[in-house]
Amino acid sequence: MSFLIIFGTQWYIVFNTIGGAAAFPNDLEEAAKNFRIKGWRWWIQVIIPGIAPYYLTGAITASGGSWNASIVAEYVRWKDHSVVAEGVGSYIAVATEKGDFPKIVLGVAMMSLFVTLFNRLFWRQLYAYAERRLRL
């Protein structure tokens, strides 16, 4: 189940990080060369802080995508076989299959609450830190 979630959401991080590397300012790269910043120092002091906001944007998007992917990944049916993991995703998938509208609404509401709280308490704080400390 985790494989499906990881495989489905890793692309958000990959493409945002590639976009951050492509948007990295050439003059900053030239300045690092002029100051002879190489090796690990270049990675830690130059490129990672430069792409961190892009990486975090990808991670935030991947986090939201993983919640959606959990609906599909926690309840898998193949012919006569079903694999069910315990979680809000399987709760929504099973309720949808049964057509139990009140349970679908409850599951979606709980997932929305979890996503909102996680975004406000974790991602927003981390992104604010990255913008404050890692701005180019």
C-alpha atoms as a PDB file:
ATOM      1  CA  MET A   1       0.000   0.000   0.000  1.00  0.00           C
ATOM      2  CA  SER A   2       2.752   2.449   0.936  1.00  0.00           C
ATOM      3  CA  PHE A   3       4.431   1.763  -2.399  1.00  0.00           C
ATOM      4  CA  LEU A   4       1.394   3.093  -4.257  1.00  0.00           C
ATOM      5  CA  ILE A   5       1.302   6.246  -2.165  1.00  0.00           C
ATOM      6  CA  ILE A   6       5.053   6.900  -2.440  1.00  0.00           C
ATOM      7  CA  PHE A   7       5.152   6.152  -6.159  1.00  0.00           C
ATOM      8  CA  GLY A   8       2.154   8.363  -6.824  1.00  0.00           C
ATOM      9  CA  THR A   9       3.435  11.384  -4.913  1.00  0.00           C
ATOM     10  CA  GLN A  10       7.196  11.415  -5.457  1.00  0.00           C
ATOM     11  CA  TRP A  11       6.782  13.230  -8.762  1.00  0.00           C
ATOM     12  CA  TYR A  12       5.549  16.382  -7.066  1.00  0.00           C
ATOM     13  CA  ILE A  13       8.834  16.641  -5.172  1.00  0.00           C
ATOM     14  CA  VAL A  14      11.000  15.656  -8.140  1.00  0.00           C
ATOM     15  CA  PHE A  15       9.528  18.159 -10.578  1.00  0.00           C
ATOM     16  CA  ASN A  16       9.450  21.038  -8.086  1.00  0.00           C
ATOM     17  CA  THR A  17      13.061  20.377  -7.101  1.00  0.00           C
ATOM     18  CA  ILE A  18      14.121  20.267 -10.759  1.00  0.00           C
ATOM     19  CA  GLY A  19      12.254  23.539 -11.293  1.00  0.00           C
ATOM     20  CA  GLY A  20      14.109  25.066  -8.344  1.00  0.00           C
ATOM     21  CA  ALA A  21      17.461  23.934  -9.689  1.00  0.00           C
ATOM     22  CA  ALA A  22      16.600  25.356 -13.120  1.00  0.00           C
ATOM     23  CA  ALA A  23      15.558  28.675 -11.539  1.00  0.00           C
ATOM     24  CA  PHE A  24      18.750  28.904  -9.467  1.00  0.00           C
ATOM     25  CA  PRO A  25      20.362  32.300 -10.211  1.00  0.00           C
ATOM     26  CA  ASN A  26      23.467  32.127 -12.399  1.00  0.00           C
ATOM     27  CA  ASP A  27      25.075  35.074 -10.628  1.00  0.00           C
ATOM     28  CA  LEU A  28      24.864  33.217  -7.314  1.00  0.00           C
ATOM     29  CA  GLU A  29      26.502  30.206  -8.929  1.00  0.00           C
ATOM     30  CA  GLU A  30      29.249  32.457 -10.328  1.00  0.00           C
ATOM     31  CA  ALA A  31      29.757  34.065  -6.907  1.00  0.00           C
ATOM     32  CA  ALA A  32      30.174  30.632  -5.332  1.00  0.00           C
ATOM     33  CA  LYS A  33      32.800  29.786  -7.966  1.00  0.00           C
ATOM     34  CA  ASN A  34      34.626  33.076  -7.328  1.00  0.00           C
ATOM     35  CA  PHE A  35      34.719  32.374  -3.595  1.00  0.00           C
ATOM     36  CA  ARG A  36      35.915  28.845  -4.370  1.00  0.00           C
ATOM     37  CA  ILE A  37      33.011  27.177  -2.586  1.00  0.00           C
ATOM     38  CA  LYS A  38      33.205  23.524  -3.623  1.00  0.00           C
ATOM     39  CA  GLY A  39      32.263  20.046  -2.459  1.00  0.00           C
ATOM     40  CA  TRP A  40      30.082  19.679   0.609  1.00  0.00           C
ATOM     41  CA  ARG A  41      30.212  23.397   1.385  1.00  0.00           C
ATOM     42  CA  TRP A  42      28.670  24.136  -2.034  1.00  0.00           C
ATOM     43  CA  TRP A  43      25.840  21.680  -1.378  1.00  0.00           C
ATOM     44  CA  ILE A  44      25.136  22.831   2.183  1.00  0.00           C
ATOM     45  CA  GLN A  45      25.712  26.571   1.820  1.00  0.00           C
ATOM     46  CA  VAL A  46      24.622  27.266  -1.743  1.00  0.00           C
ATOM     47  CA  ILE A  47      22.400  24.823  -3.631  1.00  0.00           C
ATOM     48  CA  ILE A  48      20.306  23.256  -0.821  1.00  0.00           C
ATOM     49  CA  PRO A  49      19.252  26.634   0.615  1.00  0.00           C
ATOM     50  CA  GLY A  50      18.563  27.814  -2.941  1.00  0.00           C
ATOM     51  CA  ILE A  51      16.201  24.974  -3.823  1.00  0.00           C
ATOM     52  CA  ALA A  52      14.681  24.439  -0.352  1.00  0.00           C
ATOM     53  CA  PRO A  53      11.541  26.544  -0.991  1.00  0.00           C
ATOM     54  CA  TYR A  54      10.908  24.612  -4.220  1.00  0.00           C
ATOM     55  CA  TYR A  55      11.449  21.299  -2.455  1.00  0.00           C
ATOM     56  CA  LEU A  56       9.038  22.310   0.305  1.00  0.00           C
ATOM     57  CA  THR A  57       6.425  23.333  -2.256  1.00  0.00           C
ATOM     58  CA  GLY A  58       6.756  19.879  -3.813  1.00  0.00           C
ATOM     59  CA  ALA A  59       6.574  18.215  -0.404  1.00  0.00           C
ATOM     60  CA  ILE A  60       3.422  20.136   0.514  1.00  0.00           C
ATOM     61  CA  THR A  61       1.808  19.181  -2.785  1.00  0.00           C
ATOM     62  CA  ALA A  62       2.934  15.561  -2.378  1.00  0.00           C
ATOM     63  CA  SER A  63       1.475  15.482   1.101  1.00  0.00           C
ATOM     64  CA  GLY A  64      -1.909  16.539  -0.245  1.00  0.00           C
ATOM     65  CA  GLY A  65      -1.616  14.057  -3.100  1.00  0.00           C
ATOM     66  CA  SER A  66      -0.788  11.255  -0.689  1.00  0.00           C
ATOM     67  CA  TRP A  67      -4.054  11.832   1.151  1.00  0.00           C
ATOM     68  CA  ASN A  68      -5.897  11.387  -2.134  1.00  0.00           C
ATOM     69  CA  ALA A  69      -3.786   8.368  -3.060  1.00  0.00           C
ATOM     70  CA  SER A  70      -4.570   6.752   0.293  1.00  0.00           C
ATOM     71  CA  ILE A  71      -8.198   6.370  -0.784  1.00  0.00           C
ATOM     72  CA  VAL A  72      -7.092   4.190  -3.675  1.00  0.00           C
ATOM     73  CA  ALA A  73      -4.104   2.525  -1.986  1.00  0.00           C
ATOM     74  CA  GLU A  74      -5.771   1.441   1.257  1.00  0.00           C
ATOM     75  CA  TYR A  75      -8.484  -0.543  -0.473  1.00  0.00           C
ATOM     76  CA  VAL A  76      -7.360  -2.626  -3.442  1.00  0.00           C
ATOM     77  CA  ARG A  77      -9.659  -5.087  -5.185  1.00  0.00           C
ATOM     78  CA  TRP A  78      -8.531  -7.539  -7.845  1.00  0.00           C
ATOM     79  CA  LYS A  79     -11.161  -9.958  -9.167  1.00  0.00           C
ATOM     80  CA  ASP A  80     -12.379 -11.830  -6.060  1.00  0.00           C
ATOM     81  CA  HIS A  81      -9.548 -10.681  -3.763  1.00  0.00           C
ATOM     82  CA  SER A  82      -9.523  -7.553  -1.614  1.00  0.00           C
ATOM     83  CA  VAL A  83      -6.690  -6.056   0.390  1.00  0.00           C
ATOM     84  CA  VAL A  84      -7.808  -3.565   2.999  1.00  0.00           C
ATOM     85  CA  ALA A  85      -5.582  -1.442   5.240  1.00  0.00           C
ATOM     86  CA  GLU A  86      -7.050   0.326   8.219  1.00  0.00           C
ATOM     87  CA  GLY A  87      -7.262   4.041   7.619  1.00  0.00           C
ATOM     88  CA  VAL A  88      -9.435   6.910   6.542  1.00  0.00           C
ATOM     89  CA  GLY A  89      -8.735   6.141   2.876  1.00  0.00           C
ATOM     90  CA  SER A  90     -10.111   2.615   3.090  1.00  0.00           C
ATOM     91  CA  TYR A  91     -13.016   3.916   5.170  1.00  0.00           C
ATOM     92  CA  ILE A  92     -13.967   6.269   2.325  1.00  0.00           C
ATOM     93  CA  ALA A  93     -13.374   3.626  -0.380  1.00  0.00           C
ATOM     94  CA  VAL A  94     -15.486   0.976   1.365  1.00  0.00           C
ATOM     95  CA  ALA A  95     -18.268   3.476   2.100  1.00  0.00           C
ATOM     96  CA  THR A  96     -18.220   4.553  -1.548  1.00  0.00           C
ATOM     97  CA  GLU A  97     -18.440   0.966  -2.758  1.00  0.00           C
ATOM     98  CA  LYS A  98     -21.439   0.363  -0.478  1.00  0.00           C
ATOM     99  CA  GLY A  99     -23.044   3.679  -1.437  1.00  0.00           C
ATOM    100  CA  ASP A 100     -23.239   4.786   2.205  1.00  0.00           C
ATOM    101  CA  PHE A 101     -23.448   8.558   1.691  1.00  0.00           C
ATOM    102  CA  PRO A 102     -23.293   9.629   5.383  1.00  0.00           C
ATOM    103  CA  LYS A 103     -20.093   7.600   5.910  1.00  0.00           C
ATOM    104  CA  ILE A 104     -18.577   9.047   2.733  1.00  0.00           C
ATOM    105  CA  VAL A 105     -19.280  12.579   3.979  1.00  0.00           C
ATOM    106  CA  LEU A 106     -17.875  11.742   7.432  1.00  0.00           C
ATOM    107  CA  GLY A 107     -14.711  10.234   5.922  1.00  0.00           C
ATOM    108  CA  VAL A 108     -14.125  13.172   3.587  1.00  0.00           C
ATOM    109  CA  ALA A 109     -14.785  15.637   6.415  1.00  0.00           C
ATOM    110  CA  MET A 110     -12.289  13.881   8.701  1.00  0.00           C
ATOM    111  CA  MET A 111      -9.681  13.728   5.960  1.00  0.00           C
ATOM    112  CA  SER A 112     -10.199  17.440   5.262  1.00  0.00           C
ATOM    113  CA  LEU A 113      -9.780  18.192   8.954  1.00  0.00           C
ATOM    114  CA  PHE A 114      -6.540  16.155   9.149  1.00  0.00           C
ATOM    115  CA  VAL A 115      -5.136  17.819   6.023  1.00  0.00           C
ATOM    116  CA  THR A 116      -6.041  21.315   7.225  1.00  0.00           C
ATOM    117  CA  LEU A 117      -4.535  20.782  10.684  1.00  0.00           C
ATOM    118  CA  PHE A 118      -1.373  19.205   9.263  1.00  0.00           C
ATOM    119  CA  ASN A 119      -0.958  22.082   6.807  1.00  0.00           C
ATOM    120  CA  ARG A 120      -1.464  24.760   9.449  1.00  0.00           C
ATOM    121  CA  LEU A 121       0.589  23.184  12.218  1.00  0.00           C
ATOM    122  CA  PHE A 122       3.463  21.710  10.207  1.00  0.00           C
ATOM    123  CA  TRP A 123       3.794  22.773   6.571  1.00  0.00           C
ATOM    124  CA  ARG A 124       2.936  26.446   7.031  1.00  0.00           C
ATOM    125  CA  GLN A 125       5.503  26.807   9.831  1.00  0.00           C
ATOM    126  CA  LEU A 126       8.190  24.992   7.851  1.00  0.00           C
ATOM    127  CA  TYR A 127       7.520  27.023   4.717  1.00  0.00           C
ATOM    128  CA  ALA A 128       7.589  30.296   6.655  1.00  0.00           C
ATOM    129  CA  TYR A 129      10.971  29.295   8.082  1.00  0.00           C
ATOM    130  CA  ALA A 130      12.281  28.485   4.598  1.00  0.00           C
ATOM    131  CA  GLU A 131      11.069  31.810   3.206  1.00  0.00           C
ATOM    132  CA  ARG A 132      12.540  33.732   6.128  1.00  0.00           C
ATOM    133  CA  ARG A 133      15.926  31.994   6.331  1.00  0.00           C
ATOM    134  CA  LEU A 134      16.525  30.662   2.817  1.00  0.00           C
ATOM    135  CA  ARG A 135      15.414  33.553   0.621  1.00  0.00           C
ATOM    136  CA  LEU A 136      17.655  34.325  -2.355  1.00  0.00           C
END
